[in-house]
Each structure stands twice: as C-alpha cells, then as structure tokens.
Amino acid sequence: MPDSSPDISTGPRILVVEDEPVINRAVTERLRGSGYDVTQAWDGPGAVALFAESVPDLVVLDVMLPGFDGHEVCRRIQAERPVPVLMLTARDDEADILVGLGVGADDYLTKPFRMRELVARVAALLRRVDRAAELAAVPASELGDLGDLRVDVGARRVWVAGAEVHLTPTEFDLLVRLAGDPGVVLTRESLYAEVWGWAGATGTRTVDSHVKALRAKIGADRVRTVHGVGYALEPGGAS
C-alpha cells in the first residue's frame, strides 16, 4: 500500500521498509519533511525489488517483515551494492542485534523510538559515507605497527596473520579509528561521534555491539575493554 502523495524532494534517497502502515507513513513523512527523497516498501521481496529500482543512498529497515525478514533483505541488498542500513527492531536483544550487524547493518533503533532520534541517526549515517572517502586517503603507514594485523585503508581490506577477513563498512571504520591510536583507550562516546558522526549520543550499546562483532572477526583479545570507559586496540592481543 504505497503512498501516492507526490514527492518533490531532491535530497538523498531513502528507502523505508516497514510493514506497519502507521510507522511506515510516520517515518516517511518525517524524513520527507527533513528534505529526503523517500520510497516506501512493505515486505521483504518488495524491498529488494525497490532497492534495485530506486538506488537509495540509505535504507531504514524493519527486522520483522512479510515474505522474508529484514536480515535477509539486508543480506541481499548488501550483496548487490553496499549501502548504509538503519535497522528497526522490536527486541532489544543482543543476539538479534548482532545478527543484523553481521549481515551489514550499520546501526539500529529499538521500538518505540523518537522520530527526532531516527532523523539524527539517518543524518549521521549519511555523513559517515562522506567521511569514508576521507579515510581512504590515509596512508596505511600512518596506522603504525599493528603486528600481524594488516589494514589497507585505501582498498578497505584487512588481513589477520596473512588471512583476509571481511568487515562491514562500519566495522572497518571502527577498526581504522582504533588502529589510529593503538593502545590508547577511546571512550564509547568519542567512538560514536567519530565513527558514526553523532556527537552527544546516549545509546552507546551500538558501539558495544559493533566491537563484539569486530572481535569475532579479528580476534577477541585484540580489542581491550576498559570497563566504564571504552576500548583500545592491542596489536599483539591483550594480555
């Protein structure tokens, strides 16, 4: 049941995928009011089809959808073309969140959420895309000695002990930020501001979830936790 109202926005293109009509319309109207060009989908298959047709700059994606769920939608669209994804979930469950991050989601919001926060997250994710081009200009040598962890910033590739590992765009940006100051403890708030581009964030579990996903790929002992403060990259692994 698509919205037939005209959309004359010329801002970044956003695909909103949500099967609950009230939420879909509310999110769409708020984003259009913020200057975005919004397309709506209501189920998994429709989302994948509209993704190819509308070529969005960002996707707002509900987890529970008819046809197939948001995790499968995310998996399919990321295989087609990398794109920032903000997932909406009714469950504040770490396992659920890690599945979403594992298939390429960049951030998540737990229902119910404030529209102001959703718009802020969308804007932050779009700014992060712009900063990715700036990160690509950083010479790998500036990252310092990372032991058997090798990071090619320009090519956005990572190897651990000679074996290449696949990181999502957000995981890669998080690793590059940590690797920029190896051994230095960076607060959750600073990581959220510098990697996600949203200063003053209070929902720091996003950082924790991404760190957990990153550890699963590069080794649990490589990212040290300082309880109550933040995280530090240990090139040789934490003792």
C-alpha atoms as a PDB file:
ATOM      1  CA  MET A   1       0.000   0.000   0.000  1.00  0.00           C
ATOM      2  CA  PRO A   2       2.362   2.705  -1.260  1.00  0.00           C
ATOM      3  CA  ASP A   3       1.901   6.390  -0.534  1.00  0.00           C
ATOM      4  CA  SER A   4       0.553   8.112  -3.625  1.00  0.00           C
ATOM      5  CA  SER A   5       1.388  11.637  -2.456  1.00  0.00           C
ATOM      6  CA  PRO A   6       3.883  13.476  -4.685  1.00  0.00           C
ATOM      7  CA  ASP A   7       7.472  13.656  -3.558  1.00  0.00           C
ATOM      8  CA  ILE A   8       9.447  16.563  -4.970  1.00  0.00           C
ATOM      9  CA  SER A   9      12.410  16.255  -2.594  1.00  0.00           C
ATOM     10  CA  THR A  10      15.850  16.420  -4.160  1.00  0.00           C
ATOM     11  CA  GLY A  11      17.860  15.351  -1.112  1.00  0.00           C
ATOM     12  CA  PRO A  12      19.468  11.936  -0.521  1.00  0.00           C
ATOM     13  CA  ARG A  13      17.273   8.978  -1.496  1.00  0.00           C
ATOM     14  CA  ILE A  14      15.996   6.793   1.340  1.00  0.00           C
ATOM     15  CA  LEU A  15      14.114   3.504   1.150  1.00  0.00           C
ATOM     16  CA  VAL A  16      11.814   2.928   4.142  1.00  0.00           C
ATOM     17  CA  VAL A  17      10.902  -0.742   4.653  1.00  0.00           C
ATOM     18  CA  GLU A  18       8.221  -1.279   7.304  1.00  0.00           C
ATOM     19  CA  ASP A  19       5.070  -3.409   7.191  1.00  0.00           C
ATOM     20  CA  GLU A  20       3.155  -1.488   9.874  1.00  0.00           C
ATOM     21  CA  PRO A  21       1.283   1.263   7.975  1.00  0.00           C
ATOM     22  CA  VAL A  22       1.234   3.789  10.825  1.00  0.00           C
ATOM     23  CA  ILE A  23       5.002   3.525  11.410  1.00  0.00           C
ATOM     24  CA  ASN A  24       5.849   3.468   7.701  1.00  0.00           C
ATOM     25  CA  ARG A  25       3.831   6.596   6.985  1.00  0.00           C
ATOM     26  CA  ALA A  26       5.098   8.423  10.084  1.00  0.00           C
ATOM     27  CA  VAL A  27       8.756   7.699   9.255  1.00  0.00           C
ATOM     28  CA  THR A  28       8.221   8.604   5.608  1.00  0.00           C
ATOM     29  CA  GLU A  29       6.518  11.899   6.386  1.00  0.00           C
ATOM     30  CA  ARG A  30       9.176  12.901   8.906  1.00  0.00           C
ATOM     31  CA  LEU A  31      12.031  12.108   6.524  1.00  0.00           C
ATOM     32  CA  ARG A  32      10.336  13.901   3.630  1.00  0.00           C
ATOM     33  CA  GLY A  33       9.805  16.869   5.924  1.00  0.00           C
ATOM     34  CA  SER A  34      13.566  16.809   6.570  1.00  0.00           C
ATOM     35  CA  GLY A  35      14.285  17.090   2.840  1.00  0.00           C
ATOM     36  CA  TYR A  36      14.862  13.457   1.873  1.00  0.00           C
ATOM     37  CA  ASP A  37      13.526  11.717  -1.238  1.00  0.00           C
ATOM     38  CA  VAL A  38      11.700   8.708   0.241  1.00  0.00           C
ATOM     39  CA  THR A  39      10.448   5.476  -1.334  1.00  0.00           C
ATOM     40  CA  GLN A  40       8.327   3.011   0.654  1.00  0.00           C
ATOM     41  CA  ALA A  41       8.312  -0.791   0.746  1.00  0.00           C
ATOM     42  CA  TRP A  42       6.114  -3.019   2.911  1.00  0.00           C
ATOM     43  CA  ASP A  43       7.632  -6.505   2.692  1.00  0.00           C
ATOM     44  CA  GLY A  44      10.902  -8.325   2.033  1.00  0.00           C
ATOM     45  CA  PRO A  45      10.549  -9.085  -1.693  1.00  0.00           C
ATOM     46  CA  GLY A  46       9.209  -5.596  -2.402  1.00  0.00           C
ATOM     47  CA  ALA A  47      12.148  -4.043  -0.562  1.00  0.00           C
ATOM     48  CA  VAL A  48      14.721  -5.918  -2.632  1.00  0.00           C
ATOM     49  CA  ALA A  49      12.914  -5.015  -5.880  1.00  0.00           C
ATOM     50  CA  LEU A  50      12.623  -1.319  -4.951  1.00  0.00           C
ATOM     51  CA  PHE A  51      16.241  -1.213  -3.840  1.00  0.00           C
ATOM     52  CA  ALA A  52      17.337  -2.112  -7.365  1.00  0.00           C
ATOM     53  CA  GLU A  53      14.830   0.288  -8.906  1.00  0.00           C
ATOM     54  CA  SER A  54      15.256   3.378  -6.723  1.00  0.00           C
ATOM     55  CA  VAL A  55      19.019   3.060  -5.942  1.00  0.00           C
ATOM     56  CA  PRO A  56      18.736   4.617  -2.459  1.00  0.00           C
ATOM     57  CA  ASP A  57      21.559   6.270  -0.539  1.00  0.00           C
ATOM     58  CA  LEU A  58      20.318   4.715   2.727  1.00  0.00           C
ATOM     59  CA  VAL A  59      17.780   2.111   3.875  1.00  0.00           C
ATOM     60  CA  VAL A  60      15.613   2.250   7.010  1.00  0.00           C
ATOM     61  CA  LEU A  61      14.763  -1.413   7.517  1.00  0.00           C
ATOM     62  CA  ASP A  62      12.415  -3.180   9.934  1.00  0.00           C
ATOM     63  CA  VAL A  63      13.514  -6.645  11.085  1.00  0.00           C
ATOM     64  CA  MET A  64      10.095  -8.355  11.104  1.00  0.00           C
ATOM     65  CA  LEU A  65       8.634  -8.320   7.586  1.00  0.00           C
ATOM     66  CA  PRO A  66       6.280 -10.460   5.471  1.00  0.00           C
ATOM     67  CA  GLY A  67       7.840 -12.538   2.696  1.00  0.00           C
ATOM     68  CA  PHE A  68      11.274 -12.725   4.297  1.00  0.00           C
ATOM     69  CA  ASP A  69      12.715 -10.770   7.205  1.00  0.00           C
ATOM     70  CA  GLY A  70      14.884  -7.690   7.362  1.00  0.00           C
ATOM     71  CA  HIS A  71      18.052  -9.695   7.928  1.00  0.00           C
ATOM     72  CA  GLU A  72      17.547 -11.450   4.586  1.00  0.00           C
ATOM     73  CA  VAL A  73      16.711  -8.132   2.920  1.00  0.00           C
ATOM     74  CA  CYS A  74      19.924  -6.639   4.301  1.00  0.00           C
ATOM     75  CA  ARG A  75      21.963  -9.635   3.166  1.00  0.00           C
ATOM     76  CA  ARG A  76      20.591  -9.409  -0.382  1.00  0.00           C
ATOM     77  CA  ILE A  77      20.913  -5.668  -0.872  1.00  0.00           C
ATOM     78  CA  GLN A  78      24.431  -5.548   0.577  1.00  0.00           C
ATOM     79  CA  ALA A  79      25.445  -8.288  -1.862  1.00  0.00           C
ATOM     80  CA  GLU A  80      24.119  -6.125  -4.683  1.00  0.00           C
ATOM     81  CA  ARG A  81      25.614  -2.795  -3.571  1.00  0.00           C
ATOM     82  CA  PRO A  82      26.992  -1.616  -0.209  1.00  0.00           C
ATOM     83  CA  VAL A  83      24.614   0.886   1.371  1.00  0.00           C
ATOM     84  CA  PRO A  84      24.108   2.268   4.901  1.00  0.00           C
ATOM     85  CA  VAL A  85      21.286   0.439   6.721  1.00  0.00           C
ATOM     86  CA  LEU A  86      19.485   1.587   9.860  1.00  0.00           C
ATOM     87  CA  MET A  87      17.588  -1.391  11.293  1.00  0.00           C
ATOM     88  CA  LEU A  88      14.423  -1.067  13.358  1.00  0.00           C
ATOM     89  CA  THR A  89      13.835  -3.836  15.881  1.00  0.00           C
ATOM     90  CA  ALA A  90      11.111  -4.512  18.413  1.00  0.00           C
ATOM     91  CA  ARG A  91      13.525  -6.580  20.526  1.00  0.00           C
ATOM     92  CA  ASP A  92      16.386  -5.065  22.469  1.00  0.00           C
ATOM     93  CA  ASP A  93      18.180  -8.403  22.323  1.00  0.00           C
ATOM     94  CA  GLU A  94      21.944  -8.503  21.745  1.00  0.00           C
ATOM     95  CA  ALA A  95      21.808 -11.737  19.723  1.00  0.00           C
ATOM     96  CA  ASP A  96      19.205 -10.212  17.396  1.00  0.00           C
ATOM     97  CA  ILE A  97      21.253  -7.040  17.034  1.00  0.00           C
ATOM     98  CA  LEU A  98      24.467  -8.946  16.289  1.00  0.00           C
ATOM     99  CA  VAL A  99      22.705 -10.878  13.525  1.00  0.00           C
ATOM    100  CA  GLY A 100      21.726  -7.567  11.933  1.00  0.00           C
ATOM    101  CA  LEU A 101      25.227  -6.168  12.226  1.00  0.00           C
ATOM    102  CA  GLY A 102      26.607  -9.422  10.835  1.00  0.00           C
ATOM    103  CA  VAL A 103      24.628  -9.080   7.597  1.00  0.00           C
ATOM    104  CA  GLY A 104      25.725  -5.491   7.061  1.00  0.00           C
ATOM    105  CA  ALA A 105      23.516  -3.170   9.119  1.00  0.00           C
ATOM    106  CA  ASP A 106      25.292  -0.028  10.324  1.00  0.00           C
ATOM    107  CA  ASP A 107      23.087   0.983  13.228  1.00  0.00           C
ATOM    108  CA  TYR A 108      19.810   0.065  14.880  1.00  0.00           C
ATOM    109  CA  LEU A 109      16.914   1.614  16.769  1.00  0.00           C
ATOM    110  CA  THR A 110      14.690  -0.247  19.201  1.00  0.00           C
ATOM    111  CA  LYS A 111      10.944   0.372  19.008  1.00  0.00           C
ATOM    112  CA  PRO A 112       9.390   2.545  20.231  1.00  0.00           C
ATOM    113  CA  PHE A 113      11.738   5.305  19.143  1.00  0.00           C
ATOM    114  CA  ARG A 114      11.575   9.086  18.830  1.00  0.00           C
ATOM    115  CA  MET A 115      11.356  10.444  15.288  1.00  0.00           C
ATOM    116  CA  ARG A 116      13.937  13.085  16.171  1.00  0.00           C
ATOM    117  CA  GLU A 117      16.404  10.345  17.039  1.00  0.00           C
ATOM    118  CA  LEU A 118      15.698   8.450  13.815  1.00  0.00           C
ATOM    119  CA  VAL A 119      16.341  11.570  11.720  1.00  0.00           C
ATOM    120  CA  ALA A 120      19.571  12.206  13.648  1.00  0.00           C
ATOM    121  CA  ARG A 121      20.756   8.625  13.051  1.00  0.00           C
ATOM    122  CA  VAL A 122      19.956   8.888   9.335  1.00  0.00           C
ATOM    123  CA  ALA A 123      21.893  12.146   9.017  1.00  0.00           C
ATOM    124  CA  ALA A 124      24.843  10.672  10.915  1.00  0.00           C
ATOM    125  CA  LEU A 125      24.986   7.588   8.691  1.00  0.00           C
ATOM    126  CA  LEU A 126      24.959   9.724   5.556  1.00  0.00           C
ATOM    127  CA  ARG A 127      27.796  11.861   6.961  1.00  0.00           C
ATOM    128  CA  ARG A 128      29.742   8.665   7.670  1.00  0.00           C
ATOM    129  CA  VAL A 129      29.564   7.752   3.982  1.00  0.00           C
ATOM    130  CA  ASP A 130      31.124  11.099   3.123  1.00  0.00           C
ATOM    131  CA  ARG A 131      33.901  10.552   5.674  1.00  0.00           C
ATOM    132  CA  ALA A 132      34.693   7.112   4.245  1.00  0.00           C
ATOM    133  CA  ALA A 133      36.208   8.828   1.215  1.00  0.00           C
ATOM    134  CA  GLU A 134      38.412  10.879   3.528  1.00  0.00           C
ATOM    135  CA  LEU A 135      39.597   7.752   5.357  1.00  0.00           C
ATOM    136  CA  ALA A 136      40.620   6.227   2.032  1.00  0.00           C
ATOM    137  CA  ALA A 137      43.211   8.986   1.656  1.00  0.00           C
ATOM    138  CA  VAL A 138      45.030   7.977   4.881  1.00  0.00           C
ATOM    139  CA  PRO A 139      48.264   6.092   4.062  1.00  0.00           C
ATOM    140  CA  ALA A 140      48.421   2.658   5.689  1.00  0.00           C
ATOM    141  CA  SER A 141      51.816   3.550   7.168  1.00  0.00           C
ATOM    142  CA  GLU A 142      50.154   6.146   9.393  1.00  0.00           C
ATOM    143  CA  LEU A 143      48.380   3.368  11.290  1.00  0.00           C
ATOM    144  CA  GLY A 144      51.659   2.282  12.883  1.00  0.00           C
ATOM    145  CA  ASP A 145      52.803  -1.211  13.828  1.00  0.00           C
ATOM    146  CA  LEU A 146      49.780  -3.493  14.168  1.00  0.00           C
ATOM    147  CA  GLY A 147      51.668  -6.771  14.453  1.00  0.00           C
ATOM    148  CA  ASP A 148      50.104  -9.465  12.274  1.00  0.00           C
ATOM    149  CA  LEU A 149      47.042  -7.279  11.742  1.00  0.00           C
ATOM    150  CA  ARG A 150      47.338  -5.577   8.345  1.00  0.00           C
ATOM    151  CA  VAL A 151      44.977  -2.824   7.230  1.00  0.00           C
ATOM    152  CA  ASP A 152      44.923  -1.413   3.692  1.00  0.00           C
ATOM    153  CA  VAL A 153      42.920   1.776   4.237  1.00  0.00           C
ATOM    154  CA  GLY A 154      42.655   2.759   0.586  1.00  0.00           C
ATOM    155  CA  ALA A 155      41.428  -0.654  -0.550  1.00  0.00           C
ATOM    156  CA  ARG A 156      39.406  -1.139   2.673  1.00  0.00           C
ATOM    157  CA  ARG A 157      40.844  -4.635   3.198  1.00  0.00           C
ATOM    158  CA  VAL A 158      42.048  -6.369   6.363  1.00  0.00           C
ATOM    159  CA  TRP A 159      44.259  -9.401   6.982  1.00  0.00           C
ATOM    160  CA  VAL A 160      44.913 -11.262  10.232  1.00  0.00           C
ATOM    161  CA  ALA A 161      48.015 -13.487  10.258  1.00  0.00           C
ATOM    162  CA  GLY A 162      48.026 -13.424   6.461  1.00  0.00           C
ATOM    163  CA  ALA A 163      44.358 -14.452   6.060  1.00  0.00           C
ATOM    164  CA  GLU A 164      41.949 -11.843   4.728  1.00  0.00           C
ATOM    165  CA  VAL A 165      38.838 -11.166   6.807  1.00  0.00           C
ATOM    166  CA  HIS A 166      35.667  -9.466   5.597  1.00  0.00           C
ATOM    167  CA  LEU A 167      34.469  -6.477   7.608  1.00  0.00           C
ATOM    168  CA  THR A 168      31.294  -4.478   7.134  1.00  0.00           C
ATOM    169  CA  PRO A 169      31.827  -0.769   6.301  1.00  0.00           C
ATOM    170  CA  THR A 170      31.152   0.260   9.901  1.00  0.00           C
ATOM    171  CA  GLU A 171      33.401  -2.445  11.344  1.00  0.00           C
ATOM    172  CA  PHE A 172      36.182  -1.300   9.043  1.00  0.00           C
ATOM    173  CA  ASP A 173      35.795   2.365  10.024  1.00  0.00           C
ATOM    174  CA  LEU A 174      35.743   1.383  13.700  1.00  0.00           C
ATOM    175  CA  LEU A 175      38.935  -0.651  13.281  1.00  0.00           C
ATOM    176  CA  VAL A 176      40.683   2.191  11.454  1.00  0.00           C
ATOM    177  CA  ARG A 177      39.795   4.610  14.249  1.00  0.00           C
ATOM    178  CA  LEU A 178      41.055   2.238  16.946  1.00  0.00           C
ATOM    179  CA  ALA A 179      44.180   1.452  14.905  1.00  0.00           C
ATOM    180  CA  GLY A 180      44.905   5.154  14.529  1.00  0.00           C
ATOM    181  CA  ASP A 181      45.858   5.226  18.235  1.00  0.00           C
ATOM    182  CA  PRO A 182      46.926   1.670  19.148  1.00  0.00           C
ATOM    183  CA  GLY A 183      46.961   1.051  22.876  1.00  0.00           C
ATOM    184  CA  VAL A 184      45.069   4.274  23.611  1.00  0.00           C
ATOM    185  CA  VAL A 185      41.688   3.908  25.306  1.00  0.00           C
ATOM    186  CA  LEU A 186      38.944   5.643  23.321  1.00  0.00           C
ATOM    187  CA  THR A 187      35.646   6.322  25.031  1.00  0.00           C
ATOM    188  CA  ARG A 188      32.395   4.928  23.687  1.00  0.00           C
ATOM    189  CA  GLU A 189      31.134   8.475  23.221  1.00  0.00           C
ATOM    190  CA  SER A 190      34.170   9.527  21.185  1.00  0.00           C
ATOM    191  CA  LEU A 191      33.923   6.426  19.000  1.00  0.00           C
ATOM    192  CA  TYR A 192      30.251   7.060  18.379  1.00  0.00           C
ATOM    193  CA  ALA A 193      30.975  10.676  17.470  1.00  0.00           C
ATOM    194  CA  GLU A 194      33.972   9.931  15.229  1.00  0.00           C
ATOM    195  CA  VAL A 195      32.859   6.709  13.524  1.00  0.00           C
ATOM    196  CA  TRP A 196      29.099   7.234  13.379  1.00  0.00           C
ATOM    197  CA  GLY A 197      29.250  11.021  13.305  1.00  0.00           C
ATOM    198  CA  TRP A 198      26.732  11.599  16.049  1.00  0.00           C
ATOM    199  CA  ALA A 199      28.118  13.646  18.921  1.00  0.00           C
ATOM    200  CA  GLY A 200      26.415  13.562  22.292  1.00  0.00           C
ATOM    201  CA  ALA A 201      24.944  10.089  21.791  1.00  0.00           C
ATOM    202  CA  THR A 202      23.465   8.362  24.807  1.00  0.00           C
ATOM    203  CA  GLY A 203      22.710   4.980  23.223  1.00  0.00           C
ATOM    204  CA  THR A 204      26.275   3.640  23.373  1.00  0.00           C
ATOM    205  CA  ARG A 205      25.268  -0.030  23.102  1.00  0.00           C
ATOM    206  CA  THR A 206      25.649   0.407  19.354  1.00  0.00           C
ATOM    207  CA  VAL A 207      29.408   0.759  19.897  1.00  0.00           C
ATOM    208  CA  ASP A 208      29.499  -2.270  22.207  1.00  0.00           C
ATOM    209  CA  SER A 209      27.644  -4.429  19.678  1.00  0.00           C
ATOM    210  CA  HIS A 210      29.959  -3.437  16.840  1.00  0.00           C
ATOM    211  CA  VAL A 211      33.047  -4.081  18.974  1.00  0.00           C
ATOM    212  CA  LYS A 212      31.736  -7.554  19.764  1.00  0.00           C
ATOM    213  CA  ALA A 213      31.159  -8.232  16.062  1.00  0.00           C
ATOM    214  CA  LEU A 214      34.650  -6.902  15.218  1.00  0.00           C
ATOM    215  CA  ARG A 215      36.259  -9.117  17.865  1.00  0.00           C
ATOM    216  CA  ALA A 216      34.601 -12.179  16.338  1.00  0.00           C
ATOM    217  CA  LYS A 217      36.451 -11.439  13.097  1.00  0.00           C
ATOM    218  CA  ILE A 218      39.889 -10.167  14.127  1.00  0.00           C
ATOM    219  CA  GLY A 219      40.288 -11.969  17.471  1.00  0.00           C
ATOM    220  CA  ALA A 220      38.678 -11.351  20.844  1.00  0.00           C
ATOM    221  CA  ASP A 221      41.950 -10.377  22.544  1.00  0.00           C
ATOM    222  CA  ARG A 222      42.812  -7.628  20.047  1.00  0.00           C
ATOM    223  CA  VAL A 223      40.303  -5.100  21.397  1.00  0.00           C
ATOM    224  CA  ARG A 224      40.727  -4.419  25.101  1.00  0.00           C
ATOM    225  CA  THR A 225      37.793  -3.281  27.230  1.00  0.00           C
ATOM    226  CA  VAL A 226      38.334  -0.691  29.935  1.00  0.00           C
ATOM    227  CA  HIS A 227      35.154  -1.023  31.961  1.00  0.00           C
ATOM    228  CA  GLY A 228      33.243   2.196  32.335  1.00  0.00           C
ATOM    229  CA  VAL A 229      35.475   3.974  29.830  1.00  0.00           C
ATOM    230  CA  GLY A 230      35.842   2.413  26.384  1.00  0.00           C
ATOM    231  CA  TYR A 231      38.087   0.344  24.145  1.00  0.00           C
ATOM    232  CA  ALA A 232      41.681   0.125  22.929  1.00  0.00           C
ATOM    233  CA  LEU A 233      43.260  -1.826  20.084  1.00  0.00           C
ATOM    234  CA  GLU A 234      46.093  -4.103  21.187  1.00  0.00           C
ATOM    235  CA  PRO A 235      48.061  -5.042  18.027  1.00  0.00           C
ATOM    236  CA  GLY A 236      49.610  -8.097  19.630  1.00  0.00           C
ATOM    237  CA  GLY A 237      46.457  -9.049  21.516  1.00  0.00           C
ATOM    238  CA  ALA A 238      45.596  -8.095  25.078  1.00  0.00           C
ATOM    239  CA  SER A 239      47.352  -9.929  27.831  1.00  0.00           C
END
